[in-house]
Amino acid sequence: MPPGHTIMPDESTTCLHLAERLAERAPLTVISHFQPVIAMHTAAPGINVISLGGEYFPAYDAFLGLCTAEGVAKVRADTLFMSTTAVSHGRCYHHSQETSRSSAR
């Protein structure tokens, strides 16, 4: 990722591992609704954090739902890192309606 890049990781454990390495790539902007990623980078030098609000879901440790989806619609990232439960015929599927709604915008 080039300096100044904006990335948006989802709330997966896969993206959490990626997020642990982001400080090595600063300066970056990180857009997230995943509480661990937000907390990890709020004090990281060279990392600008844009937090997406919404309803907090403890099972995902993330903010999801309509407010989050509206927030996603208002921002742009150079790269999205997103995991999914299944892929079939070119479509991604996820077992959580809240996650799907928040990522679909």
PDB file of N, CA and C in Angstrom:
ATOM      1  N   MET A   1       0.840  -1.180   0.000  1.00  0.00           N
ATOM      2  CA  MET A   1       0.000   0.000   0.000  1.00  0.00           C
ATOM      3  C   MET A   1       0.885   1.243   0.000  1.00  0.00           C
ATOM      4  N   PRO A   2       0.618   2.135  -0.884  1.00  0.00           N
ATOM      5  CA  PRO A   2       1.406   3.366  -0.928  1.00  0.00           C
ATOM      6  C   PRO A   2       1.061   4.299   0.237  1.00  0.00           C
ATOM      7  N   PRO A   3       1.989   5.181   0.627  1.00  0.00           N
ATOM      8  CA  PRO A   3       1.697   6.150   1.682  1.00  0.00           C
ATOM      9  C   PRO A   3       0.455   6.966   1.330  1.00  0.00           C
ATOM     10  N   GLY A   4      -0.349   7.233   2.340  1.00  0.00           N
ATOM     11  CA  GLY A   4      -1.563   8.005   2.154  1.00  0.00           C
ATOM     12  C   GLY A   4      -2.761   7.192   1.703  1.00  0.00           C
ATOM     13  N   HIS A   5      -2.573   5.914   1.524  1.00  0.00           N
ATOM     14  CA  HIS A   5      -3.646   5.011   1.091  1.00  0.00           C
ATOM     15  C   HIS A   5      -4.746   4.956   2.157  1.00  0.00           C
ATOM     16  N   THR A   6      -5.983   4.751   1.741  1.00  0.00           N
ATOM     17  CA  THR A   6      -7.102   4.574   2.660  1.00  0.00           C
ATOM     18  C   THR A   6      -7.605   3.152   2.525  1.00  0.00           C
ATOM     19  N   ILE A   7      -7.676   2.435   3.659  1.00  0.00           N
ATOM     20  CA  ILE A   7      -8.151   1.060   3.620  1.00  0.00           C
ATOM     21  C   ILE A   7      -9.344   0.883   4.546  1.00  0.00           C
ATOM     22  N   MET A   8     -10.140  -0.129   4.233  1.00  0.00           N
ATOM     23  CA  MET A   8     -11.309  -0.435   5.046  1.00  0.00           C
ATOM     24  C   MET A   8     -11.332  -1.951   5.294  1.00  0.00           C
ATOM     25  N   PRO A   9     -10.924  -2.384   6.487  1.00  0.00           N
ATOM     26  CA  PRO A   9     -11.025  -3.807   6.811  1.00  0.00           C
ATOM     27  C   PRO A   9     -12.398  -4.117   7.418  1.00  0.00           C
ATOM     28  N   ASP A  10     -12.899  -5.318   7.195  1.00  0.00           N
ATOM     29  CA  ASP A  10     -14.171  -5.697   7.803  1.00  0.00           C
ATOM     30  C   ASP A  10     -13.943  -6.157   9.238  1.00  0.00           C
ATOM     31  N   GLU A  11     -14.968  -6.762   9.849  1.00  0.00           N
ATOM     32  CA  GLU A  11     -14.891  -7.150  11.262  1.00  0.00           C
ATOM     33  C   GLU A  11     -14.455  -8.604  11.462  1.00  0.00           C
ATOM     34  N   SER A  12     -13.714  -9.150  10.532  1.00  0.00           N
ATOM     35  CA  SER A  12     -13.291 -10.551  10.641  1.00  0.00           C
ATOM     36  C   SER A  12     -11.973 -10.699  11.390  1.00  0.00           C
ATOM     37  N   THR A  13     -11.746 -11.890  11.896  1.00  0.00           N
ATOM     38  CA  THR A  13     -10.466 -12.179  12.546  1.00  0.00           C
ATOM     39  C   THR A  13      -9.338 -12.162  11.521  1.00  0.00           C
ATOM     40  N   THR A  14      -9.635 -12.492  10.276  1.00  0.00           N
ATOM     41  CA  THR A  14      -8.622 -12.411   9.219  1.00  0.00           C
ATOM     42  C   THR A  14      -8.137 -10.983   9.068  1.00  0.00           C
ATOM     43  N   CYS A  15      -9.063 -10.037   9.010  1.00  0.00           N
ATOM     44  CA  CYS A  15      -8.686  -8.632   8.876  1.00  0.00           C
ATOM     45  C   CYS A  15      -8.032  -8.092  10.138  1.00  0.00           C
ATOM     46  N   LEU A  16      -8.340  -8.670  11.272  1.00  0.00           N
ATOM     47  CA  LEU A  16      -7.677  -8.262  12.510  1.00  0.00           C
ATOM     48  C   LEU A  16      -6.181  -8.548  12.427  1.00  0.00           C
ATOM     49  N   HIS A  17      -5.815  -9.692  11.880  1.00  0.00           N
ATOM     50  CA  HIS A  17      -4.394 -10.017  11.704  1.00  0.00           C
ATOM     51  C   HIS A  17      -3.734  -9.049  10.726  1.00  0.00           C
ATOM     52  N   LEU A  18      -4.431  -8.693   9.675  1.00  0.00           N
ATOM     53  CA  LEU A  18      -3.923  -7.708   8.732  1.00  0.00           C
ATOM     54  C   LEU A  18      -3.737  -6.358   9.429  1.00  0.00           C
ATOM     55  N   ALA A  19      -4.716  -5.961  10.219  1.00  0.00           N
ATOM     56  CA  ALA A  19      -4.678  -4.662  10.899  1.00  0.00           C
ATOM     57  C   ALA A  19      -3.487  -4.537  11.841  1.00  0.00           C
ATOM     58  N   GLU A  20      -3.050  -5.651  12.395  1.00  0.00           N
ATOM     59  CA  GLU A  20      -1.892  -5.622  13.292  1.00  0.00           C
ATOM     60  C   GLU A  20      -0.624  -5.161  12.578  1.00  0.00           C
ATOM     61  N   ARG A  21      -0.591  -5.230  11.270  1.00  0.00           N
ATOM     62  CA  ARG A  21       0.597  -4.862  10.496  1.00  0.00           C
ATOM     63  C   ARG A  21       0.500  -3.480   9.846  1.00  0.00           C
ATOM     64  N   LEU A  22      -0.605  -2.795  10.021  1.00  0.00           N
ATOM     65  CA  LEU A  22      -0.812  -1.539   9.313  1.00  0.00           C
ATOM     66  C   LEU A  22       0.143  -0.431   9.721  1.00  0.00           C
ATOM     67  N   ALA A  23       0.537  -0.388  10.980  1.00  0.00           N
ATOM     68  CA  ALA A  23       1.436   0.677  11.430  1.00  0.00           C
ATOM     69  C   ALA A  23       2.750   0.668  10.644  1.00  0.00           C
ATOM     70  N   GLU A  24       3.138  -0.504  10.135  1.00  0.00           N
ATOM     71  CA  GLU A  24       4.357  -0.607   9.323  1.00  0.00           C
ATOM     72  C   GLU A  24       4.215   0.120   7.992  1.00  0.00           C
ATOM     73  N   ARG A  25       2.987   0.394   7.583  1.00  0.00           N
ATOM     74  CA  ARG A  25       2.709   1.002   6.283  1.00  0.00           C
ATOM     75  C   ARG A  25       2.283   2.465   6.383  1.00  0.00           C
ATOM     76  N   ALA A  26       2.382   3.064   7.562  1.00  0.00           N
ATOM     77  CA  ALA A  26       1.950   4.453   7.762  1.00  0.00           C
ATOM     78  C   ALA A  26       2.754   5.377   6.845  1.00  0.00           C
ATOM     79  N   PRO A  27       2.176   6.473   6.427  1.00  0.00           N
ATOM     80  CA  PRO A  27       0.878   6.998   6.820  1.00  0.00           C
ATOM     81  C   PRO A  27      -0.273   6.349   6.046  1.00  0.00           C
ATOM     82  N   LEU A  28      -1.344   6.068   6.762  1.00  0.00           N
ATOM     83  CA  LEU A  28      -2.548   5.460   6.201  1.00  0.00           C
ATOM     84  C   LEU A  28      -3.785   6.051   6.873  1.00  0.00           C
ATOM     85  N   THR A  29      -4.901   5.909   6.198  1.00  0.00           N
ATOM     86  CA  THR A  29      -6.190   6.166   6.819  1.00  0.00           C
ATOM     87  C   THR A  29      -6.911   4.827   6.896  1.00  0.00           C
ATOM     88  N   VAL A  30      -7.457   4.520   8.063  1.00  0.00           N
ATOM     89  CA  VAL A  30      -8.193   3.282   8.279  1.00  0.00           C
ATOM     90  C   VAL A  30      -9.638   3.642   8.587  1.00  0.00           C
ATOM     91  N   ILE A  31     -10.557   3.109   7.795  1.00  0.00           N
ATOM     92  CA  ILE A  31     -11.992   3.288   8.022  1.00  0.00           C
ATOM     93  C   ILE A  31     -12.506   1.968   8.566  1.00  0.00           C
ATOM     94  N   SER A  32     -13.144   1.991   9.750  1.00  0.00           N
ATOM     95  CA  SER A  32     -13.560   0.714  10.340  1.00  0.00           C
ATOM     96  C   SER A  32     -14.790   0.848  11.227  1.00  0.00           C
ATOM     97  N   HIS A  33     -15.495  -0.258  11.341  1.00  0.00           N
ATOM     98  CA  HIS A  33     -16.609  -0.400  12.277  1.00  0.00           C
ATOM     99  C   HIS A  33     -16.307  -1.496  13.296  1.00  0.00           C
ATOM    100  N   PHE A  34     -15.080  -2.032  13.257  1.00  0.00           N
ATOM    101  CA  PHE A  34     -14.636  -3.142  14.102  1.00  0.00           C
ATOM    102  C   PHE A  34     -13.879  -2.577  15.299  1.00  0.00           C
ATOM    103  N   GLN A  35     -14.441  -2.721  16.490  1.00  0.00           N
ATOM    104  CA  GLN A  35     -13.882  -2.110  17.696  1.00  0.00           C
ATOM    105  C   GLN A  35     -12.391  -2.427  17.917  1.00  0.00           C
ATOM    106  N   PRO A  36     -11.924  -3.673  17.766  1.00  0.00           N
ATOM    107  CA  PRO A  36     -10.493  -3.928  17.979  1.00  0.00           C
ATOM    108  C   PRO A  36      -9.588  -3.149  17.016  1.00  0.00           C
ATOM    109  N   VAL A  37     -10.012  -2.996  15.785  1.00  0.00           N
ATOM    110  CA  VAL A  37      -9.209  -2.244  14.813  1.00  0.00           C
ATOM    111  C   VAL A  37      -9.202  -0.766  15.178  1.00  0.00           C
ATOM    112  N   ILE A  38     -10.336  -0.246  15.579  1.00  0.00           N
ATOM    113  CA  ILE A  38     -10.417   1.157  15.990  1.00  0.00           C
ATOM    114  C   ILE A  38      -9.505   1.399  17.192  1.00  0.00           C
ATOM    115  N   ALA A  39      -9.624   0.560  18.211  1.00  0.00           N
ATOM    116  CA  ALA A  39      -8.819   0.721  19.423  1.00  0.00           C
ATOM    117  C   ALA A  39      -7.328   0.564  19.147  1.00  0.00           C
ATOM    118  N   MET A  40      -6.991  -0.353  18.272  1.00  0.00           N
ATOM    119  CA  MET A  40      -5.593  -0.640  17.955  1.00  0.00           C
ATOM    120  C   MET A  40      -4.893   0.553  17.312  1.00  0.00           C
ATOM    121  N   HIS A  41      -5.631   1.363  16.570  1.00  0.00           N
ATOM    122  CA  HIS A  41      -4.991   2.412  15.793  1.00  0.00           C
ATOM    123  C   HIS A  41      -5.253   3.835  16.261  1.00  0.00           C
ATOM    124  N   THR A  42      -6.036   4.027  17.295  1.00  0.00           N
ATOM    125  CA  THR A  42      -6.340   5.396  17.718  1.00  0.00           C
ATOM    126  C   THR A  42      -5.098   6.156  18.176  1.00  0.00           C
ATOM    127  N   ALA A  43      -4.111   5.472  18.706  1.00  0.00           N
ATOM    128  CA  ALA A  43      -2.893   6.138  19.158  1.00  0.00           C
ATOM    129  C   ALA A  43      -1.693   5.819  18.277  1.00  0.00           C
ATOM    130  N   ALA A  44      -1.905   5.121  17.175  1.00  0.00           N
ATOM    131  CA  ALA A  44      -0.794   4.735  16.293  1.00  0.00           C
ATOM    132  C   ALA A  44      -0.323   5.939  15.484  1.00  0.00           C
ATOM    133  N   PRO A  45       0.970   6.244  15.552  1.00  0.00           N
ATOM    134  CA  PRO A  45       1.479   7.378  14.773  1.00  0.00           C
ATOM    135  C   PRO A  45       1.327   7.119  13.273  1.00  0.00           C
ATOM    136  N   GLY A  46       0.850   8.128  12.567  1.00  0.00           N
ATOM    137  CA  GLY A  46       0.732   8.025  11.126  1.00  0.00           C
ATOM    138  C   GLY A  46      -0.521   7.324  10.640  1.00  0.00           C
ATOM    139  N   ILE A  47      -1.395   6.910  11.570  1.00  0.00           N
ATOM    140  CA  ILE A  47      -2.642   6.252  11.191  1.00  0.00           C
ATOM    141  C   ILE A  47      -3.804   7.175  11.548  1.00  0.00           C
ATOM    142  N   ASN A  48      -4.562   7.577  10.544  1.00  0.00           N
ATOM    143  CA  ASN A  48      -5.775   8.364  10.749  1.00  0.00           C
ATOM    144  C   ASN A  48      -6.932   7.377  10.792  1.00  0.00           C
ATOM    145  N   VAL A  49      -7.743   7.424  11.833  1.00  0.00           N
ATOM    146  CA  VAL A  49      -8.849   6.478  11.993  1.00  0.00           C
ATOM    147  C   VAL A  49     -10.182   7.182  11.767  1.00  0.00           C
ATOM    148  N   ILE A  50     -10.987   6.599  10.894  1.00  0.00           N
ATOM    149  CA  ILE A  50     -12.366   7.039  10.699  1.00  0.00           C
ATOM    150  C   ILE A  50     -13.234   5.897  11.198  1.00  0.00           C
ATOM    151  N   SER A  51     -13.973   6.151  12.260  1.00  0.00           N
ATOM    152  CA  SER A  51     -14.802   5.125  12.889  1.00  0.00           C
ATOM    153  C   SER A  51     -16.228   5.239  12.392  1.00  0.00           C
ATOM    154  N   LEU A  52     -16.779   4.111  11.979  1.00  0.00           N
ATOM    155  CA  LEU A  52     -18.170   4.062  11.538  1.00  0.00           C
ATOM    156  C   LEU A  52     -19.037   3.649  12.718  1.00  0.00           C
ATOM    157  N   GLY A  53     -19.971   4.465  13.070  1.00  0.00           N
ATOM    158  CA  GLY A  53     -20.846   4.165  14.193  1.00  0.00           C
ATOM    159  C   GLY A  53     -21.937   3.188  13.818  1.00  0.00           C
ATOM    160  N   GLY A  54     -22.869   3.045  14.692  1.00  0.00           N
ATOM    161  CA  GLY A  54     -23.992   2.144  14.476  1.00  0.00           C
ATOM    162  C   GLY A  54     -24.355   1.452  15.762  1.00  0.00           C
ATOM    163  N   GLU A  55     -25.155   0.423  15.644  1.00  0.00           N
ATOM    164  CA  GLU A  55     -25.535  -0.371  16.807  1.00  0.00           C
ATOM    165  C   GLU A  55     -24.413  -1.351  17.121  1.00  0.00           C
ATOM    166  N   TYR A  56     -24.006  -1.411  18.390  1.00  0.00           N
ATOM    167  CA  TYR A  56     -22.910  -2.290  18.783  1.00  0.00           C
ATOM    168  C   TYR A  56     -23.422  -3.719  18.968  1.00  0.00           C
ATOM    169  N   PHE A  57     -22.743  -4.670  18.323  1.00  0.00           N
ATOM    170  CA  PHE A  57     -23.063  -6.093  18.432  1.00  0.00           C
ATOM    171  C   PHE A  57     -21.908  -6.797  19.125  1.00  0.00           C
ATOM    172  N   PRO A  58     -22.071  -7.146  20.414  1.00  0.00           N
ATOM    173  CA  PRO A  58     -20.985  -7.795  21.152  1.00  0.00           C
ATOM    174  C   PRO A  58     -20.490  -9.092  20.505  1.00  0.00           C
ATOM    175  N   ALA A  59     -21.353  -9.847  19.856  1.00  0.00           N
ATOM    176  CA  ALA A  59     -20.934 -11.106  19.235  1.00  0.00           C
ATOM    177  C   ALA A  59     -19.867 -10.886  18.170  1.00  0.00           C
ATOM    178  N   TYR A  60     -19.875  -9.706  17.541  1.00  0.00           N
ATOM    179  CA  TYR A  60     -18.896  -9.388  16.499  1.00  0.00           C
ATOM    180  C   TYR A  60     -17.873  -8.353  16.957  1.00  0.00           C
ATOM    181  N   ASP A  61     -18.081  -7.773  18.140  1.00  0.00           N
ATOM    182  CA  ASP A  61     -17.268  -6.672  18.647  1.00  0.00           C
ATOM    183  C   ASP A  61     -17.188  -5.561  17.599  1.00  0.00           C
ATOM    184  N   ALA A  62     -18.357  -5.297  16.998  1.00  0.00           N
ATOM    185  CA  ALA A  62     -18.408  -4.344  15.893  1.00  0.00           C
ATOM    186  C   ALA A  62     -19.719  -3.556  15.926  1.00  0.00           C
ATOM    187  N   PHE A  63     -19.693  -2.437  15.221  1.00  0.00           N
ATOM    188  CA  PHE A  63     -20.878  -1.616  15.038  1.00  0.00           C
ATOM    189  C   PHE A  63     -21.486  -2.000  13.698  1.00  0.00           C
ATOM    190  N   LEU A  64     -22.766  -2.355  13.708  1.00  0.00           N
ATOM    191  CA  LEU A  64     -23.438  -2.844  12.506  1.00  0.00           C
ATOM    192  C   LEU A  64     -24.816  -2.215  12.392  1.00  0.00           C
ATOM    193  N   GLY A  65     -25.525  -2.520  11.328  1.00  0.00           N
ATOM    194  CA  GLY A  65     -26.893  -2.055  11.165  1.00  0.00           C
ATOM    195  C   GLY A  65     -27.015  -0.868  10.239  1.00  0.00           C
ATOM    196  N   LEU A  66     -28.181  -0.256  10.269  1.00  0.00           N
ATOM    197  CA  LEU A  66     -28.529   0.817   9.350  1.00  0.00           C
ATOM    198  C   LEU A  66     -27.587   2.013   9.450  1.00  0.00           C
ATOM    199  N   CYS A  67     -27.275   2.457  10.658  1.00  0.00           N
ATOM    200  CA  CYS A  67     -26.378   3.618  10.805  1.00  0.00           C
ATOM    201  C   CYS A  67     -24.996   3.326  10.241  1.00  0.00           C
ATOM    202  N   THR A  68     -24.518   2.107  10.437  1.00  0.00           N
ATOM    203  CA  THR A  68     -23.213   1.723   9.892  1.00  0.00           C
ATOM    204  C   THR A  68     -23.273   1.712   8.369  1.00  0.00           C
ATOM    205  N   ALA A  69     -24.338   1.133   7.826  1.00  0.00           N
ATOM    206  CA  ALA A  69     -24.495   1.081   6.368  1.00  0.00           C
ATOM    207  C   ALA A  69     -24.531   2.491   5.775  1.00  0.00           C
ATOM    208  N   GLU A  70     -25.214   3.401   6.436  1.00  0.00           N
ATOM    209  CA  GLU A  70     -25.257   4.783   5.963  1.00  0.00           C
ATOM    210  C   GLU A  70     -23.872   5.422   6.027  1.00  0.00           C
ATOM    211  N   GLY A  71     -23.110   5.103   7.072  1.00  0.00           N
ATOM    212  CA  GLY A  71     -21.740   5.613   7.189  1.00  0.00           C
ATOM    213  C   GLY A  71     -20.834   5.085   6.088  1.00  0.00           C
ATOM    214  N   VAL A  72     -20.968   3.807   5.765  1.00  0.00           N
ATOM    215  CA  VAL A  72     -20.173   3.204   4.692  1.00  0.00           C
ATOM    216  C   VAL A  72     -20.468   3.902   3.367  1.00  0.00           C
ATOM    217  N   ALA A  73     -21.726   4.252   3.141  1.00  0.00           N
ATOM    218  CA  ALA A  73     -22.116   4.901   1.893  1.00  0.00           C
ATOM    219  C   ALA A  73     -21.496   6.290   1.734  1.00  0.00           C
ATOM    220  N   LYS A  74     -21.035   6.882   2.832  1.00  0.00           N
ATOM    221  CA  LYS A  74     -20.516   8.250   2.797  1.00  0.00           C
ATOM    222  C   LYS A  74     -19.000   8.341   2.695  1.00  0.00           C
ATOM    223  N   VAL A  75     -18.306   7.209   2.733  1.00  0.00           N
ATOM    224  CA  VAL A  75     -16.845   7.230   2.694  1.00  0.00           C
ATOM    225  C   VAL A  75     -16.331   6.442   1.491  1.00  0.00           C
ATOM    226  N   ARG A  76     -15.089   6.667   1.155  1.00  0.00           N
ATOM    227  CA  ARG A  76     -14.439   5.942   0.061  1.00  0.00           C
ATOM    228  C   ARG A  76     -13.069   5.470   0.544  1.00  0.00           C
ATOM    229  N   ALA A  77     -12.733   4.255   0.165  1.00  0.00           N
ATOM    230  CA  ALA A  77     -11.427   3.693   0.491  1.00  0.00           C
ATOM    231  C   ALA A  77     -10.750   3.253  -0.797  1.00  0.00           C
ATOM    232  N   ASP A  78      -9.434   3.253  -0.781  1.00  0.00           N
ATOM    233  CA  ASP A  78      -8.690   2.737  -1.924  1.00  0.00           C
ATOM    234  C   ASP A  78      -8.790   1.218  -1.993  1.00  0.00           C
ATOM    235  N   THR A  79      -8.815   0.582  -0.809  1.00  0.00           N
ATOM    236  CA  THR A  79      -8.856  -0.878  -0.749  1.00  0.00           C
ATOM    237  C   THR A  79      -9.791  -1.335   0.361  1.00  0.00           C
ATOM    238  N   LEU A  80     -10.634  -2.310   0.038  1.00  0.00           N
ATOM    239  CA  LEU A  80     -11.506  -2.959   1.014  1.00  0.00           C
ATOM    240  C   LEU A  80     -10.978  -4.365   1.252  1.00  0.00           C
ATOM    241  N   PHE A  81     -10.807  -4.733   2.511  1.00  0.00           N
ATOM    242  CA  PHE A  81     -10.454  -6.103   2.880  1.00  0.00           C
ATOM    243  C   PHE A  81     -11.697  -6.704   3.525  1.00  0.00           C
ATOM    244  N   MET A  82     -12.270  -7.702   2.869  1.00  0.00           N
ATOM    245  CA  MET A  82     -13.522  -8.278   3.336  1.00  0.00           C
ATOM    246  C   MET A  82     -13.469  -9.797   3.240  1.00  0.00           C
ATOM    247  N   SER A  83     -13.894 -10.442   4.296  1.00  0.00           N
ATOM    248  CA  SER A  83     -14.010 -11.899   4.257  1.00  0.00           C
ATOM    249  C   SER A  83     -15.482 -12.258   4.116  1.00  0.00           C
ATOM    250  N   THR A  84     -15.744 -13.491   3.774  1.00  0.00           N
ATOM    251  CA  THR A  84     -17.116 -13.934   3.618  1.00  0.00           C
ATOM    252  C   THR A  84     -17.231 -15.395   4.015  1.00  0.00           C
ATOM    253  N   THR A  85     -18.428 -15.822   4.316  1.00  0.00           N
ATOM    254  CA  THR A  85     -18.655 -17.201   4.735  1.00  0.00           C
ATOM    255  C   THR A  85     -18.617 -18.157   3.554  1.00  0.00           C
ATOM    256  N   ALA A  86     -19.158 -17.725   2.413  1.00  0.00           N
ATOM    257  CA  ALA A  86     -19.200 -18.608   1.245  1.00  0.00           C
ATOM    258  C   ALA A  86     -19.252 -17.784  -0.037  1.00  0.00           C
ATOM    259  N   VAL A  87     -18.756 -18.377  -1.124  1.00  0.00           N
ATOM    260  CA  VAL A  87     -18.833 -17.783  -2.447  1.00  0.00           C
ATOM    261  C   VAL A  87     -19.404 -18.839  -3.382  1.00  0.00           C
ATOM    262  N   SER A  88     -20.418 -18.457  -4.150  1.00  0.00           N
ATOM    263  CA  SER A  88     -21.026 -19.374  -5.107  1.00  0.00           C
ATOM    264  C   SER A  88     -21.516 -18.597  -6.315  1.00  0.00           C
ATOM    265  N   HIS A  89     -21.120 -19.017  -7.480  1.00  0.00           N
ATOM    266  CA  HIS A  89     -21.546 -18.391  -8.736  1.00  0.00           C
ATOM    267  C   HIS A  89     -21.300 -16.884  -8.732  1.00  0.00           C
ATOM    268  N   GLY A  90     -20.145 -16.471  -8.237  1.00  0.00           N
ATOM    269  CA  GLY A  90     -19.778 -15.062  -8.258  1.00  0.00           C
ATOM    270  C   GLY A  90     -20.456 -14.196  -7.214  1.00  0.00           C
ATOM    271  N   ARG A  91     -21.156 -14.802  -6.272  1.00  0.00           N
ATOM    272  CA  ARG A  91     -21.819 -14.052  -5.194  1.00  0.00           C
ATOM    273  C   ARG A  91     -21.233 -14.444  -3.850  1.00  0.00           C
ATOM    274  N   CYS A  92     -21.124 -13.448  -2.976  1.00  0.00           N
ATOM    275  CA  CYS A  92     -20.636 -13.696  -1.614  1.00  0.00           C
ATOM    276  C   CYS A  92     -21.836 -13.852  -0.686  1.00  0.00           C
ATOM    277  N   TYR A  93     -21.697 -14.753   0.275  1.00  0.00           N
ATOM    278  CA  TYR A  93     -22.766 -14.999   1.247  1.00  0.00           C
ATOM    279  C   TYR A  93     -22.205 -14.898   2.659  1.00  0.00           C
ATOM    280  N   HIS A  94     -23.047 -14.424   3.557  1.00  0.00           N
ATOM    281  CA  HIS A  94     -22.660 -14.324   4.966  1.00  0.00           C
ATOM    282  C   HIS A  94     -23.859 -14.724   5.813  1.00  0.00           C
ATOM    283  N   HIS A  95     -23.603 -15.360   6.948  1.00  0.00           N
ATOM    284  CA  HIS A  95     -24.699 -15.847   7.795  1.00  0.00           C
ATOM    285  C   HIS A  95     -25.351 -14.757   8.640  1.00  0.00           C
ATOM    286  N   SER A  96     -24.740 -13.582   8.721  1.00  0.00           N
ATOM    287  CA  SER A  96     -25.266 -12.501   9.550  1.00  0.00           C
ATOM    288  C   SER A  96     -25.907 -11.418   8.691  1.00  0.00           C
ATOM    289  N   GLN A  97     -27.193 -11.206   8.872  1.00  0.00           N
ATOM    290  CA  GLN A  97     -27.891 -10.161   8.126  1.00  0.00           C
ATOM    291  C   GLN A  97     -27.320  -8.782   8.462  1.00  0.00           C
ATOM    292  N   GLU A  98     -26.972  -8.551   9.724  1.00  0.00           N
ATOM    293  CA  GLU A  98     -26.428  -7.253  10.133  1.00  0.00           C
ATOM    294  C   GLU A  98     -25.119  -6.966   9.414  1.00  0.00           C
ATOM    295  N   THR A  99     -24.256  -7.985   9.322  1.00  0.00           N
ATOM    296  CA  THR A  99     -22.979  -7.804   8.637  1.00  0.00           C
ATOM    297  C   THR A  99     -23.197  -7.555   7.157  1.00  0.00           C
ATOM    298  N   SER A 100     -24.069  -8.317   6.544  1.00  0.00           N
ATOM    299  CA  SER A 100     -24.332  -8.152   5.120  1.00  0.00           C
ATOM    300  C   SER A 100     -24.894  -6.773   4.811  1.00  0.00           C
ATOM    301  N   ARG A 101     -25.813  -6.317   5.607  1.00  0.00           N
ATOM    302  CA  ARG A 101     -26.426  -5.000   5.395  1.00  0.00           C
ATOM    303  C   ARG A 101     -25.394  -3.893   5.547  1.00  0.00           C
ATOM    304  N   SER A 102     -24.508  -4.016   6.527  1.00  0.00           N
ATOM    305  CA  SER A 102     -23.521  -2.969   6.793  1.00  0.00           C
ATOM    306  C   SER A 102     -22.437  -2.921   5.729  1.00  0.00           C
ATOM    307  N   SER A 103     -22.161  -4.048   5.076  1.00  0.00           N
ATOM    308  CA  SER A 103     -21.098  -4.111   4.066  1.00  0.00           C
ATOM    309  C   SER A 103     -21.600  -3.871   2.664  1.00  0.00           C
ATOM    310  N   ALA A 104     -22.888  -3.974   2.440  1.00  0.00           N
ATOM    311  CA  ALA A 104     -23.439  -3.968   1.088  1.00  0.00           C
ATOM    312  C   ALA A 104     -23.463  -2.585   0.439  1.00  0.00           C
ATOM    313  N   ARG A 105     -23.364  -1.558   1.195  1.00  0.00           N
ATOM    314  CA  ARG A 105     -23.477  -0.212   0.638  1.00  0.00           C
ATOM    315  C   ARG A 105     -22.285   0.101  -0.141  1.00  0.00           C
TER     316      ARG A 105
END
